[in-house]
Amino acid sequence: QVQLIESGGGTVQAGDSLRLSCVASGRTFSNYVMGWFRQAPGKEREFVAIIGRSGDIYYSDSVKGRFTISRDNAKSTLYLQMNNLKPDDTAVYLCAADLKYYTIRYAPAGCESWGQGTQVTVSS
């Protein structure tokens, strides 16, 4: 099982930017489809973005145009560049890994691995 550790969260003002990282270990990172999710207090976990093994990308409508997902297979690291942050982006952000695109995108509860999460707080 791949292990995932997120970092890069923090407290920022609306309009600011943050870059989250998710470092993977224990398995061959390039074999995995990777995704970012977020969970705000009292709300269900929400899909944010996905990147496939060959770089195919999909975003949720709520972040499209503001967030950019990317991966560096040589560093076994997943990134989420978040620009023009809004108070509604406040949440714990988690990365997930699975061998199947379908699982990340449509059945994330079945993902092989999850990170512990990193808190992002955006004040108005």
PDB file of N, CA and C in Angstrom:
ATOM      1  N   GLN A   1       0.836  -1.183   0.000  1.00  0.00           N
ATOM      2  CA  GLN A   1       0.000   0.000   0.000  1.00  0.00           C
ATOM      3  C   GLN A   1       0.883   1.248   0.000  1.00  0.00           C
ATOM      4  N   VAL A   2       0.515   2.230  -0.822  1.00  0.00           N
ATOM      5  CA  VAL A   2       1.276   3.468  -0.861  1.00  0.00           C
ATOM      6  C   VAL A   2       0.911   4.330   0.337  1.00  0.00           C
ATOM      7  N   GLN A   3       1.905   4.998   0.902  1.00  0.00           N
ATOM      8  CA  GLN A   3       1.682   5.931   2.005  1.00  0.00           C
ATOM      9  C   GLN A   3       1.730   7.354   1.464  1.00  0.00           C
ATOM     10  N   LEU A   4       0.840   8.221   1.996  1.00  0.00           N
ATOM     11  CA  LEU A   4       0.701   9.581   1.504  1.00  0.00           C
ATOM     12  C   LEU A   4       0.802  10.576   2.647  1.00  0.00           C
ATOM     13  N   ILE A   5       1.565  11.631   2.436  1.00  0.00           N
ATOM     14  CA  ILE A   5       1.691  12.685   3.447  1.00  0.00           C
ATOM     15  C   ILE A   5       1.521  14.033   2.762  1.00  0.00           C
ATOM     16  N   GLU A   6       0.488  14.777   3.207  1.00  0.00           N
ATOM     17  CA  GLU A   6       0.224  16.103   2.649  1.00  0.00           C
ATOM     18  C   GLU A   6       0.943  17.176   3.471  1.00  0.00           C
ATOM     19  N   SER A   7       1.179  18.299   2.808  1.00  0.00           N
ATOM     20  CA  SER A   7       1.723  19.475   3.485  1.00  0.00           C
ATOM     21  C   SER A   7       1.362  20.707   2.675  1.00  0.00           C
ATOM     22  N   GLY A   8       1.601  21.868   3.263  1.00  0.00           N
ATOM     23  CA  GLY A   8       1.409  23.110   2.539  1.00  0.00           C
ATOM     24  C   GLY A   8       0.179  23.913   2.925  1.00  0.00           C
ATOM     25  N   GLY A   9      -0.631  23.354   3.800  1.00  0.00           N
ATOM     26  CA  GLY A   9      -1.804  24.094   4.222  1.00  0.00           C
ATOM     27  C   GLY A   9      -1.449  25.286   5.097  1.00  0.00           C
ATOM     28  N   GLY A  10      -2.446  26.113   5.387  1.00  0.00           N
ATOM     29  CA  GLY A  10      -2.209  27.270   6.240  1.00  0.00           C
ATOM     30  C   GLY A  10      -3.419  28.171   6.274  1.00  0.00           C
ATOM     31  N   THR A  11      -3.243  29.334   6.884  1.00  0.00           N
ATOM     32  CA  THR A  11      -4.289  30.341   6.966  1.00  0.00           C
ATOM     33  C   THR A  11      -3.911  31.513   6.082  1.00  0.00           C
ATOM     34  N   VAL A  12      -4.785  31.858   5.156  1.00  0.00           N
ATOM     35  CA  VAL A  12      -4.520  32.927   4.198  1.00  0.00           C
ATOM     36  C   VAL A  12      -5.743  33.826   4.077  1.00  0.00           C
ATOM     37  N   GLN A  13      -5.561  34.945   3.400  1.00  0.00           N
ATOM     38  CA  GLN A  13      -6.655  35.871   3.112  1.00  0.00           C
ATOM     39  C   GLN A  13      -7.297  35.494   1.780  1.00  0.00           C
ATOM     40  N   ALA A  14      -8.539  35.883   1.617  1.00  0.00           N
ATOM     41  CA  ALA A  14      -9.220  35.678   0.343  1.00  0.00           C
ATOM     42  C   ALA A  14      -8.416  36.342  -0.770  1.00  0.00           C
ATOM     43  N   GLY A  15      -8.275  35.620  -1.883  1.00  0.00           N
ATOM     44  CA  GLY A  15      -7.492  36.112  -3.003  1.00  0.00           C
ATOM     45  C   GLY A  15      -6.058  35.633  -3.022  1.00  0.00           C
ATOM     46  N   ASP A  16      -5.585  35.089  -1.906  1.00  0.00           N
ATOM     47  CA  ASP A  16      -4.223  34.577  -1.823  1.00  0.00           C
ATOM     48  C   ASP A  16      -4.102  33.214  -2.506  1.00  0.00           C
ATOM     49  N   SER A  17      -2.865  32.726  -2.526  1.00  0.00           N
ATOM     50  CA  SER A  17      -2.571  31.424  -3.134  1.00  0.00           C
ATOM     51  C   SER A  17      -1.864  30.514  -2.132  1.00  0.00           C
ATOM     52  N   LEU A  18      -2.021  29.222  -2.345  1.00  0.00           N
ATOM     53  CA  LEU A  18      -1.295  28.201  -1.601  1.00  0.00           C
ATOM     54  C   LEU A  18      -0.966  27.067  -2.548  1.00  0.00           C
ATOM     55  N   ARG A  19       0.116  26.343  -2.251  1.00  0.00           N
ATOM     56  CA  ARG A  19       0.415  25.125  -2.995  1.00  0.00           C
ATOM     57  C   ARG A  19       0.525  23.973  -2.005  1.00  0.00           C
ATOM     58  N   LEU A  20      -0.327  22.998  -2.212  1.00  0.00           N
ATOM     59  CA  LEU A  20      -0.303  21.790  -1.403  1.00  0.00           C
ATOM     60  C   LEU A  20       0.560  20.730  -2.076  1.00  0.00           C
ATOM     61  N   SER A  21       1.211  19.921  -1.250  1.00  0.00           N
ATOM     62  CA  SER A  21       2.009  18.806  -1.747  1.00  0.00           C
ATOM     63  C   SER A  21       1.538  17.520  -1.083  1.00  0.00           C
ATOM     64  N   CYS A  22       1.710  16.434  -1.786  1.00  0.00           N
ATOM     65  CA  CYS A  22       1.382  15.109  -1.259  1.00  0.00           C
ATOM     66  C   CYS A  22       2.514  14.175  -1.698  1.00  0.00           C
ATOM     67  N   VAL A  23       3.329  13.762  -0.741  1.00  0.00           N
ATOM     68  CA  VAL A  23       4.467  12.899  -1.045  1.00  0.00           C
ATOM     69  C   VAL A  23       4.078  11.447  -0.820  1.00  0.00           C
ATOM     70  N   ALA A  24       4.362  10.619  -1.817  1.00  0.00           N
ATOM     71  CA  ALA A  24       4.018   9.208  -1.753  1.00  0.00           C
ATOM     72  C   ALA A  24       5.258   8.358  -1.517  1.00  0.00           C
ATOM     73  N   SER A  25       5.065   7.244  -0.840  1.00  0.00           N
ATOM     74  CA  SER A  25       6.161   6.309  -0.609  1.00  0.00           C
ATOM     75  C   SER A  25       5.603   4.899  -0.494  1.00  0.00           C
ATOM     76  N   GLY A  26       6.470   3.949  -0.711  1.00  0.00           N
ATOM     77  CA  GLY A  26       6.106   2.560  -0.511  1.00  0.00           C
ATOM     78  C   GLY A  26       5.713   1.803  -1.750  1.00  0.00           C
ATOM     79  N   ARG A  27       5.344   2.503  -2.789  1.00  0.00           N
ATOM     80  CA  ARG A  27       4.990   1.880  -4.070  1.00  0.00           C
ATOM     81  C   ARG A  27       5.454   2.793  -5.189  1.00  0.00           C
ATOM     82  N   THR A  28       5.353   2.306  -6.420  1.00  0.00           N
ATOM     83  CA  THR A  28       5.752   3.090  -7.584  1.00  0.00           C
ATOM     84  C   THR A  28       4.694   4.145  -7.870  1.00  0.00           C
ATOM     85  N   PHE A  29       5.028   5.401  -7.588  1.00  0.00           N
ATOM     86  CA  PHE A  29       4.077   6.496  -7.678  1.00  0.00           C
ATOM     87  C   PHE A  29       3.458   6.614  -9.069  1.00  0.00           C
ATOM     88  N   SER A  30       4.251   6.425 -10.094  1.00  0.00           N
ATOM     89  CA  SER A  30       3.767   6.625 -11.460  1.00  0.00           C
ATOM     90  C   SER A  30       2.679   5.625 -11.854  1.00  0.00           C
ATOM     91  N   ASN A  31       2.536   4.564 -11.113  1.00  0.00           N
ATOM     92  CA  ASN A  31       1.489   3.575 -11.399  1.00  0.00           C
ATOM     93  C   ASN A  31       0.109   4.021 -10.927  1.00  0.00           C
ATOM     94  N   TYR A  32       0.062   5.064 -10.105  1.00  0.00           N
ATOM     95  CA  TYR A  32      -1.175   5.444  -9.442  1.00  0.00           C
ATOM     96  C   TYR A  32      -1.865   6.626 -10.086  1.00  0.00           C
ATOM     97  N   VAL A  33      -3.174   6.556 -10.093  1.00  0.00           N
ATOM     98  CA  VAL A  33      -4.037   7.707 -10.334  1.00  0.00           C
ATOM     99  C   VAL A  33      -4.136   8.442  -9.007  1.00  0.00           C
ATOM    100  N   MET A  34      -4.067   9.777  -9.047  1.00  0.00           N
ATOM    101  CA  MET A  34      -4.048  10.568  -7.816  1.00  0.00           C
ATOM    102  C   MET A  34      -5.168  11.594  -7.817  1.00  0.00           C
ATOM    103  N   GLY A  35      -5.683  11.853  -6.639  1.00  0.00           N
ATOM    104  CA  GLY A  35      -6.753  12.837  -6.538  1.00  0.00           C
ATOM    105  C   GLY A  35      -6.628  13.700  -5.298  1.00  0.00           C
ATOM    106  N   TRP A  36      -7.245  14.864  -5.360  1.00  0.00           N
ATOM    107  CA  TRP A  36      -7.385  15.745  -4.208  1.00  0.00           C
ATOM    108  C   TRP A  36      -8.871  15.829  -3.842  1.00  0.00           C
ATOM    109  N   PHE A  37      -9.109  15.787  -2.553  1.00  0.00           N
ATOM    110  CA  PHE A  37     -10.449  15.936  -2.010  1.00  0.00           C
ATOM    111  C   PHE A  37     -10.381  16.957  -0.873  1.00  0.00           C
ATOM    112  N   ARG A  38     -11.530  17.424  -0.431  1.00  0.00           N
ATOM    113  CA  ARG A  38     -11.563  18.315   0.720  1.00  0.00           C
ATOM    114  C   ARG A  38     -12.810  18.037   1.543  1.00  0.00           C
ATOM    115  N   GLN A  39     -12.695  18.351   2.828  1.00  0.00           N
ATOM    116  CA  GLN A  39     -13.842  18.169   3.717  1.00  0.00           C
ATOM    117  C   GLN A  39     -13.895  19.338   4.687  1.00  0.00           C
ATOM    118  N   ALA A  40     -14.994  20.067   4.605  1.00  0.00           N
ATOM    119  CA  ALA A  40     -15.240  21.187   5.507  1.00  0.00           C
ATOM    120  C   ALA A  40     -16.018  20.685   6.724  1.00  0.00           C
ATOM    121  N   PRO A  41     -15.935  21.402   7.847  1.00  0.00           N
ATOM    122  CA  PRO A  41     -16.650  20.970   9.050  1.00  0.00           C
ATOM    123  C   PRO A  41     -18.139  20.820   8.797  1.00  0.00           C
ATOM    124  N   GLY A  42     -18.678  19.684   9.175  1.00  0.00           N
ATOM    125  CA  GLY A  42     -20.104  19.444   9.025  1.00  0.00           C
ATOM    126  C   GLY A  42     -20.559  19.113   7.622  1.00  0.00           C
ATOM    127  N   LYS A  43     -19.609  18.976   6.700  1.00  0.00           N
ATOM    128  CA  LYS A  43     -19.966  18.681   5.316  1.00  0.00           C
ATOM    129  C   LYS A  43     -19.343  17.364   4.881  1.00  0.00           C
ATOM    130  N   GLU A  44     -19.893  16.800   3.808  1.00  0.00           N
ATOM    131  CA  GLU A  44     -19.337  15.571   3.255  1.00  0.00           C
ATOM    132  C   GLU A  44     -18.046  15.870   2.497  1.00  0.00           C
ATOM    133  N   ARG A  45     -17.239  14.828   2.380  1.00  0.00           N
ATOM    134  CA  ARG A  45     -16.019  14.947   1.587  1.00  0.00           C
ATOM    135  C   ARG A  45     -16.381  15.288   0.143  1.00  0.00           C
ATOM    136  N   GLU A  46     -15.609  16.188  -0.443  1.00  0.00           N
ATOM    137  CA  GLU A  46     -15.898  16.694  -1.782  1.00  0.00           C
ATOM    138  C   GLU A  46     -14.718  16.450  -2.715  1.00  0.00           C
ATOM    139  N   PHE A  47     -14.996  15.973  -3.899  1.00  0.00           N
ATOM    140  CA  PHE A  47     -13.976  15.794  -4.919  1.00  0.00           C
ATOM    141  C   PHE A  47     -13.472  17.157  -5.384  1.00  0.00           C
ATOM    142  N   VAL A  48     -12.162  17.283  -5.575  1.00  0.00           N
ATOM    143  CA  VAL A  48     -11.581  18.535  -6.049  1.00  0.00           C
ATOM    144  C   VAL A  48     -10.960  18.366  -7.434  1.00  0.00           C
ATOM    145  N   ALA A  49     -10.050  17.403  -7.577  1.00  0.00           N
ATOM    146  CA  ALA A  49      -9.344  17.235  -8.849  1.00  0.00           C
ATOM    147  C   ALA A  49      -8.724  15.851  -8.912  1.00  0.00           C
ATOM    148  N   ILE A  50      -8.482  15.402 -10.146  1.00  0.00           N
ATOM    149  CA  ILE A  50      -7.877  14.095 -10.380  1.00  0.00           C
ATOM    150  C   ILE A  50      -6.857  14.214 -11.495  1.00  0.00           C
ATOM    151  N   ILE A  51      -5.789  13.437 -11.391  1.00  0.00           N
ATOM    152  CA  ILE A  51      -4.797  13.366 -12.462  1.00  0.00           C
ATOM    153  C   ILE A  51      -4.445  11.915 -12.690  1.00  0.00           C
ATOM    154  N   GLY A  52      -4.553  11.485 -13.935  1.00  0.00           N
ATOM    155  CA  GLY A  52      -4.283  10.107 -14.273  1.00  0.00           C
ATOM    156  C   GLY A  52      -2.803   9.824 -14.462  1.00  0.00           C
ATOM    157  N   ARG A  53      -2.504   8.578 -14.739  1.00  0.00           N
ATOM    158  CA  ARG A  53      -1.111   8.168 -14.917  1.00  0.00           C
ATOM    159  C   ARG A  53      -0.450   8.890 -16.084  1.00  0.00           C
ATOM    160  N   SER A  54      -1.226   9.162 -17.122  1.00  0.00           N
ATOM    161  CA  SER A  54      -0.663   9.829 -18.290  1.00  0.00           C
ATOM    162  C   SER A  54      -0.931  11.327 -18.287  1.00  0.00           C
ATOM    163  N   GLY A  55      -1.417  11.844 -17.149  1.00  0.00           N
ATOM    164  CA  GLY A  55      -1.581  13.280 -17.023  1.00  0.00           C
ATOM    165  C   GLY A  55      -2.961  13.809 -17.353  1.00  0.00           C
ATOM    166  N   ASP A  56      -3.908  12.946 -17.640  1.00  0.00           N
ATOM    167  CA  ASP A  56      -5.275  13.428 -17.904  1.00  0.00           C
ATOM    168  C   ASP A  56      -5.851  13.992 -16.604  1.00  0.00           C
ATOM    169  N   ILE A  57      -6.516  15.120 -16.725  1.00  0.00           N
ATOM    170  CA  ILE A  57      -6.922  15.921 -15.571  1.00  0.00           C
ATOM    171  C   ILE A  57      -8.398  16.278 -15.641  1.00  0.00           C
ATOM    172  N   TYR A  58      -9.019  16.313 -14.465  1.00  0.00           N
ATOM    173  CA  TYR A  58     -10.413  16.751 -14.369  1.00  0.00           C
ATOM    174  C   TYR A  58     -10.585  17.488 -13.059  1.00  0.00           C
ATOM    175  N   TYR A  59     -11.342  18.591 -13.097  1.00  0.00           N
ATOM    176  CA  TYR A  59     -11.592  19.408 -11.915  1.00  0.00           C
ATOM    177  C   TYR A  59     -13.080  19.482 -11.597  1.00  0.00           C
ATOM    178  N   SER A  60     -13.378  19.708 -10.337  1.00  0.00           N
ATOM    179  CA  SER A  60     -14.744  20.023  -9.978  1.00  0.00           C
ATOM    180  C   SER A  60     -15.050  21.437 -10.459  1.00  0.00           C
ATOM    181  N   ASP A  61     -16.294  21.715 -10.703  1.00  0.00           N
ATOM    182  CA  ASP A  61     -16.687  23.036 -11.191  1.00  0.00           C
ATOM    183  C   ASP A  61     -16.326  24.130 -10.194  1.00  0.00           C
ATOM    184  N   SER A  62     -16.329  23.806  -8.910  1.00  0.00           N
ATOM    185  CA  SER A  62     -16.094  24.815  -7.877  1.00  0.00           C
ATOM    186  C   SER A  62     -14.658  25.338  -7.869  1.00  0.00           C
ATOM    187  N   VAL A  63     -13.725  24.585  -8.447  1.00  0.00           N
ATOM    188  CA  VAL A  63     -12.321  25.019  -8.427  1.00  0.00           C
ATOM    189  C   VAL A  63     -11.746  25.233  -9.815  1.00  0.00           C
ATOM    190  N   LYS A  64     -12.484  24.853 -10.837  1.00  0.00           N
ATOM    191  CA  LYS A  64     -11.978  24.969 -12.216  1.00  0.00           C
ATOM    192  C   LYS A  64     -11.598  26.411 -12.522  1.00  0.00           C
ATOM    193  N   GLY A  65     -10.410  26.586 -13.093  1.00  0.00           N
ATOM    194  CA  GLY A  65      -9.929  27.919 -13.409  1.00  0.00           C
ATOM    195  C   GLY A  65      -9.140  28.567 -12.296  1.00  0.00           C
ATOM    196  N   ARG A  66      -9.207  28.021 -11.074  1.00  0.00           N
ATOM    197  CA  ARG A  66      -8.475  28.584  -9.945  1.00  0.00           C
ATOM    198  C   ARG A  66      -7.415  27.624  -9.401  1.00  0.00           C
ATOM    199  N   PHE A  67      -7.702  26.333  -9.459  1.00  0.00           N
ATOM    200  CA  PHE A  67      -6.791  25.318  -8.936  1.00  0.00           C
ATOM    201  C   PHE A  67      -6.134  24.566 -10.089  1.00  0.00           C
ATOM    202  N   THR A  68      -4.891  24.119  -9.865  1.00  0.00           N
ATOM    203  CA  THR A  68      -4.169  23.330 -10.854  1.00  0.00           C
ATOM    204  C   THR A  68      -3.556  22.113 -10.166  1.00  0.00           C
ATOM    205  N   ILE A  69      -3.916  20.940 -10.637  1.00  0.00           N
ATOM    206  CA  ILE A  69      -3.328  19.699 -10.128  1.00  0.00           C
ATOM    207  C   ILE A  69      -2.173  19.295 -11.029  1.00  0.00           C
ATOM    208  N   SER A  70      -1.113  18.778 -10.429  1.00  0.00           N
ATOM    209  CA  SER A  70       0.026  18.317 -11.218  1.00  0.00           C
ATOM    210  C   SER A  70       0.748  17.230 -10.432  1.00  0.00           C
ATOM    211  N   ARG A  71       1.634  16.545 -11.115  1.00  0.00           N
ATOM    212  CA  ARG A  71       2.398  15.488 -10.461  1.00  0.00           C
ATOM    213  C   ARG A  71       3.826  15.488 -10.982  1.00  0.00           C
ATOM    214  N   ASP A  72       4.750  15.103 -10.117  1.00  0.00           N
ATOM    215  CA  ASP A  72       6.146  14.937 -10.489  1.00  0.00           C
ATOM    216  C   ASP A  72       6.514  13.506 -10.119  1.00  0.00           C
ATOM    217  N   ASN A  73       6.503  12.639 -11.102  1.00  0.00           N
ATOM    218  CA  ASN A  73       6.748  11.225 -10.830  1.00  0.00           C
ATOM    219  C   ASN A  73       8.163  10.983 -10.323  1.00  0.00           C
ATOM    220  N   ALA A  74       9.118  11.785 -10.764  1.00  0.00           N
ATOM    221  CA  ALA A  74      10.501  11.619 -10.306  1.00  0.00           C
ATOM    222  C   ALA A  74      10.630  11.901  -8.808  1.00  0.00           C
ATOM    223  N   LYS A  75       9.745  12.761  -8.295  1.00  0.00           N
ATOM    224  CA  LYS A  75       9.766  13.103  -6.875  1.00  0.00           C
ATOM    225  C   LYS A  75       8.658  12.403  -6.098  1.00  0.00           C
ATOM    226  N   SER A  76       7.882  11.580  -6.783  1.00  0.00           N
ATOM    227  CA  SER A  76       6.755  10.878  -6.140  1.00  0.00           C
ATOM    228  C   SER A  76       5.845  11.858  -5.402  1.00  0.00           C
ATOM    229  N   THR A  77       5.565  12.963  -6.040  1.00  0.00           N
ATOM    230  CA  THR A  77       4.819  14.039  -5.378  1.00  0.00           C
ATOM    231  C   THR A  77       3.674  14.532  -6.248  1.00  0.00           C
ATOM    232  N   LEU A  78       2.547  14.739  -5.595  1.00  0.00           N
ATOM    233  CA  LEU A  78       1.352  15.328  -6.185  1.00  0.00           C
ATOM    234  C   LEU A  78       1.231  16.752  -5.652  1.00  0.00           C
ATOM    235  N   TYR A  79       0.772  17.669  -6.506  1.00  0.00           N
ATOM    236  CA  TYR A  79       0.625  19.056  -6.107  1.00  0.00           C
ATOM    237  C   TYR A  79      -0.797  19.553  -6.370  1.00  0.00           C
ATOM    238  N   LEU A  80      -1.158  20.582  -5.621  1.00  0.00           N
ATOM    239  CA  LEU A  80      -2.383  21.318  -5.903  1.00  0.00           C
ATOM    240  C   LEU A  80      -2.074  22.796  -5.718  1.00  0.00           C
ATOM    241  N   GLN A  81      -1.969  23.509  -6.824  1.00  0.00           N
ATOM    242  CA  GLN A  81      -1.770  24.953  -6.789  1.00  0.00           C
ATOM    243  C   GLN A  81      -3.138  25.607  -6.696  1.00  0.00           C
ATOM    244  N   MET A  82      -3.341  26.380  -5.643  1.00  0.00           N
ATOM    245  CA  MET A  82      -4.642  26.995  -5.415  1.00  0.00           C
ATOM    246  C   MET A  82      -4.489  28.508  -5.466  1.00  0.00           C
ATOM    247  N   ASN A  83      -5.130  29.118  -6.442  1.00  0.00           N
ATOM    248  CA  ASN A  83      -5.078  30.574  -6.624  1.00  0.00           C
ATOM    249  C   ASN A  83      -6.439  31.193  -6.351  1.00  0.00           C
ATOM    250  N   ASN A  84      -6.433  32.495  -6.078  1.00  0.00           N
ATOM    251  CA  ASN A  84      -7.671  33.219  -5.840  1.00  0.00           C
ATOM    252  C   ASN A  84      -8.567  32.481  -4.838  1.00  0.00           C
ATOM    253  N   LEU A  85      -7.987  32.151  -3.708  1.00  0.00           N
ATOM    254  CA  LEU A  85      -8.720  31.378  -2.707  1.00  0.00           C
ATOM    255  C   LEU A  85      -9.887  32.158  -2.144  1.00  0.00           C
ATOM    256  N   LYS A  86     -10.948  31.435  -1.820  1.00  0.00           N
ATOM    257  CA  LYS A  86     -12.174  32.019  -1.288  1.00  0.00           C
ATOM    258  C   LYS A  86     -12.476  31.398   0.086  1.00  0.00           C
ATOM    259  N   PRO A  87     -13.237  32.088   0.915  1.00  0.00           N
ATOM    260  CA  PRO A  87     -13.594  31.502   2.211  1.00  0.00           C
ATOM    261  C   PRO A  87     -14.259  30.127   2.092  1.00  0.00           C
ATOM    262  N   ASP A  88     -15.007  29.905   1.015  1.00  0.00           N
ATOM    263  CA  ASP A  88     -15.651  28.604   0.815  1.00  0.00           C
ATOM    264  C   ASP A  88     -14.651  27.482   0.535  1.00  0.00           C
ATOM    265  N   ASP A  89     -13.397  27.835   0.277  1.00  0.00           N
ATOM    266  CA  ASP A  89     -12.366  26.808   0.069  1.00  0.00           C
ATOM    267  C   ASP A  89     -11.819  26.279   1.389  1.00  0.00           C
ATOM    268  N   THR A  90     -12.229  26.869   2.501  1.00  0.00           N
ATOM    269  CA  THR A  90     -11.768  26.420   3.806  1.00  0.00           C
ATOM    270  C   THR A  90     -12.185  24.979   4.055  1.00  0.00           C
ATOM    271  N   ALA A  91     -11.191  24.128   4.324  1.00  0.00           N
ATOM    272  CA  ALA A  91     -11.452  22.695   4.506  1.00  0.00           C
ATOM    273  C   ALA A  91     -10.143  21.993   4.846  1.00  0.00           C
ATOM    274  N   VAL A  92     -10.258  20.742   5.230  1.00  0.00           N
ATOM    275  CA  VAL A  92      -9.100  19.850   5.280  1.00  0.00           C
ATOM    276  C   VAL A  92      -8.956  19.235   3.890  1.00  0.00           C
ATOM    277  N   TYR A  93      -7.777  19.353   3.328  1.00  0.00           N
ATOM    278  CA  TYR A  93      -7.513  18.833   1.986  1.00  0.00           C
ATOM    279  C   TYR A  93      -6.745  17.514   2.110  1.00  0.00           C
ATOM    280  N   LEU A  94      -7.235  16.512   1.398  1.00  0.00           N
ATOM    281  CA  LEU A  94      -6.653  15.181   1.458  1.00  0.00           C
ATOM    282  C   LEU A  94      -6.296  14.698   0.058  1.00  0.00           C
ATOM    283  N   CYS A  95      -5.188  13.999  -0.040  1.00  0.00           N
ATOM    284  CA  CYS A  95      -4.856  13.352  -1.301  1.00  0.00           C
ATOM    285  C   CYS A  95      -5.194  11.863  -1.199  1.00  0.00           C
ATOM    286  N   ALA A  96      -5.484  11.288  -2.339  1.00  0.00           N
ATOM    287  CA  ALA A  96      -5.847   9.878  -2.411  1.00  0.00           C
ATOM    288  C   ALA A  96      -5.161   9.234  -3.598  1.00  0.00           C
ATOM    289  N   ALA A  97      -4.890   7.946  -3.458  1.00  0.00           N
ATOM    290  CA  ALA A  97      -4.220   7.187  -4.514  1.00  0.00           C
ATOM    291  C   ALA A  97      -4.956   5.883  -4.766  1.00  0.00           C
ATOM    292  N   ASP A  98      -5.041   5.543  -6.026  1.00  0.00           N
ATOM    293  CA  ASP A  98      -5.606   4.245  -6.401  1.00  0.00           C
ATOM    294  C   ASP A  98      -5.097   3.882  -7.786  1.00  0.00           C
ATOM    295  N   LEU A  99      -5.137   2.607  -8.095  1.00  0.00           N
ATOM    296  CA  LEU A  99      -4.687   2.157  -9.413  1.00  0.00           C
ATOM    297  C   LEU A  99      -5.734   2.419 -10.483  1.00  0.00           C
ATOM    298  N   LYS A 100      -6.962   2.703 -10.074  1.00  0.00           N
ATOM    299  CA  LYS A 100      -8.041   2.862 -11.036  1.00  0.00           C
ATOM    300  C   LYS A 100      -8.586   4.285 -11.034  1.00  0.00           C
ATOM    301  N   TYR A 101      -8.703   4.872 -12.211  1.00  0.00           N
ATOM    302  CA  TYR A 101      -9.272   6.204 -12.374  1.00  0.00           C
ATOM    303  C   TYR A 101     -10.702   6.233 -11.846  1.00  0.00           C
ATOM    304  N   TYR A 102     -11.456   5.185 -12.149  1.00  0.00           N
ATOM    305  CA  TYR A 102     -12.873   5.134 -11.778  1.00  0.00           C
ATOM    306  C   TYR A 102     -13.045   5.249 -10.260  1.00  0.00           C
ATOM    307  N   THR A 103     -12.164   4.601  -9.520  1.00  0.00           N
ATOM    308  CA  THR A 103     -12.309   4.601  -8.059  1.00  0.00           C
ATOM    309  C   THR A 103     -12.126   6.002  -7.501  1.00  0.00           C
ATOM    310  N   ILE A 104     -11.089   6.698  -7.952  1.00  0.00           N
ATOM    311  CA  ILE A 104     -10.839   8.059  -7.472  1.00  0.00           C
ATOM    312  C   ILE A 104     -12.014   8.951  -7.855  1.00  0.00           C
ATOM    313  N   ARG A 105     -12.438   8.877  -9.041  1.00  0.00           N
ATOM    314  CA  ARG A 105     -13.418   9.809  -9.585  1.00  0.00           C
ATOM    315  C   ARG A 105     -14.834   9.519  -9.098  1.00  0.00           C
ATOM    316  N   TYR A 106     -15.210   8.256  -8.999  1.00  0.00           N
ATOM    317  CA  TYR A 106     -16.620   7.920  -8.744  1.00  0.00           C
ATOM    318  C   TYR A 106     -16.866   7.121  -7.468  1.00  0.00           C
ATOM    319  N   ALA A 107     -15.845   6.488  -6.923  1.00  0.00           N
ATOM    320  CA  ALA A 107     -16.030   5.655  -5.726  1.00  0.00           C
ATOM    321  C   ALA A 107     -14.863   5.838  -4.779  1.00  0.00           C
ATOM    322  N   PRO A 108     -14.593   7.065  -4.347  1.00  0.00           N
ATOM    323  CA  PRO A 108     -13.386   7.345  -3.564  1.00  0.00           C
ATOM    324  C   PRO A 108     -13.310   6.613  -2.236  1.00  0.00           C
ATOM    325  N   ALA A 109     -14.426   6.204  -1.692  1.00  0.00           N
ATOM    326  CA  ALA A 109     -14.375   5.441  -0.450  1.00  0.00           C
ATOM    327  C   ALA A 109     -13.561   4.166  -0.608  1.00  0.00           C
ATOM    328  N   GLY A 110     -13.416   3.709  -1.836  1.00  0.00           N
ATOM    329  CA  GLY A 110     -12.666   2.494  -2.090  1.00  0.00           C
ATOM    330  C   GLY A 110     -11.210   2.707  -2.443  1.00  0.00           C
ATOM    331  N   CYS A 111     -10.721   3.947  -2.342  1.00  0.00           N
ATOM    332  CA  CYS A 111      -9.335   4.239  -2.696  1.00  0.00           C
ATOM    333  C   CYS A 111      -8.358   3.453  -1.828  1.00  0.00           C
ATOM    334  N   GLU A 112      -7.260   3.058  -2.440  1.00  0.00           N
ATOM    335  CA  GLU A 112      -6.254   2.263  -1.728  1.00  0.00           C
ATOM    336  C   GLU A 112      -5.658   3.033  -0.560  1.00  0.00           C
ATOM    337  N   SER A 113      -5.349   4.318  -0.786  1.00  0.00           N
ATOM    338  CA  SER A 113      -4.659   5.084   0.264  1.00  0.00           C
ATOM    339  C   SER A 113      -5.182   6.518   0.339  1.00  0.00           C
ATOM    340  N   TRP A 114      -5.152   7.026   1.565  1.00  0.00           N
ATOM    341  CA  TRP A 114      -5.491   8.423   1.836  1.00  0.00           C
ATOM    342  C   TRP A 114      -4.391   9.030   2.713  1.00  0.00           C
ATOM    343  N   GLY A 115      -4.144  10.306   2.488  1.00  0.00           N
ATOM    344  CA  GLY A 115      -3.272  11.017   3.408  1.00  0.00           C
ATOM    345  C   GLY A 115      -4.038  11.434   4.641  1.00  0.00           C
ATOM    346  N   GLN A 116      -3.322  12.055   5.570  1.00  0.00           N
ATOM    347  CA  GLN A 116      -3.946  12.456   6.835  1.00  0.00           C
ATOM    348  C   GLN A 116      -4.646  13.807   6.722  1.00  0.00           C
ATOM    349  N   GLY A 117      -4.341  14.552   5.673  1.00  0.00           N
ATOM    350  CA  GLY A 117      -4.982  15.840   5.437  1.00  0.00           C
ATOM    351  C   GLY A 117      -4.157  17.015   5.898  1.00  0.00           C
ATOM    352  N   THR A 118      -4.393  18.158   5.276  1.00  0.00           N
ATOM    353  CA  THR A 118      -3.751  19.414   5.663  1.00  0.00           C
ATOM    354  C   THR A 118      -4.821  20.502   5.659  1.00  0.00           C
ATOM    355  N   GLN A 119      -4.842  21.320   6.691  1.00  0.00           N
ATOM    356  CA  GLN A 119      -5.893  22.317   6.863  1.00  0.00           C
ATOM    357  C   GLN A 119      -5.613  23.559   6.035  1.00  0.00           C
ATOM    358  N   VAL A 120      -6.621  23.997   5.313  1.00  0.00           N
ATOM    359  CA  VAL A 120      -6.577  25.271   4.591  1.00  0.00           C
ATOM    360  C   VAL A 120      -7.696  26.143   5.139  1.00  0.00           C
ATOM    361  N   THR A 121      -7.336  27.310   5.608  1.00  0.00           N
ATOM    362  CA  THR A 121      -8.316  28.257   6.137  1.00  0.00           C
ATOM    363  C   THR A 121      -8.178  29.566   5.391  1.00  0.00           C
ATOM    364  N   VAL A 122      -9.292  30.034   4.821  1.00  0.00           N
ATOM    365  CA  VAL A 122      -9.295  31.271   4.042  1.00  0.00           C
ATOM    366  C   VAL A 122     -10.215  32.263   4.733  1.00  0.00           C
ATOM    367  N   SER A 123      -9.660  33.375   5.139  1.00  0.00           N
ATOM    368  CA  SER A 123     -10.456  34.395   5.817  1.00  0.00           C
ATOM    369  C   SER A 123     -10.838  35.490   4.836  1.00  0.00           C
ATOM    370  N   SER A 124     -11.995  36.101   5.101  1.00  0.00           N
ATOM    371  CA  SER A 124     -12.492  37.135   4.186  1.00  0.00           C
ATOM    372  C   SER A 124     -11.953  38.506   4.544  1.00  0.00           C
TER     373      SER A 124
END
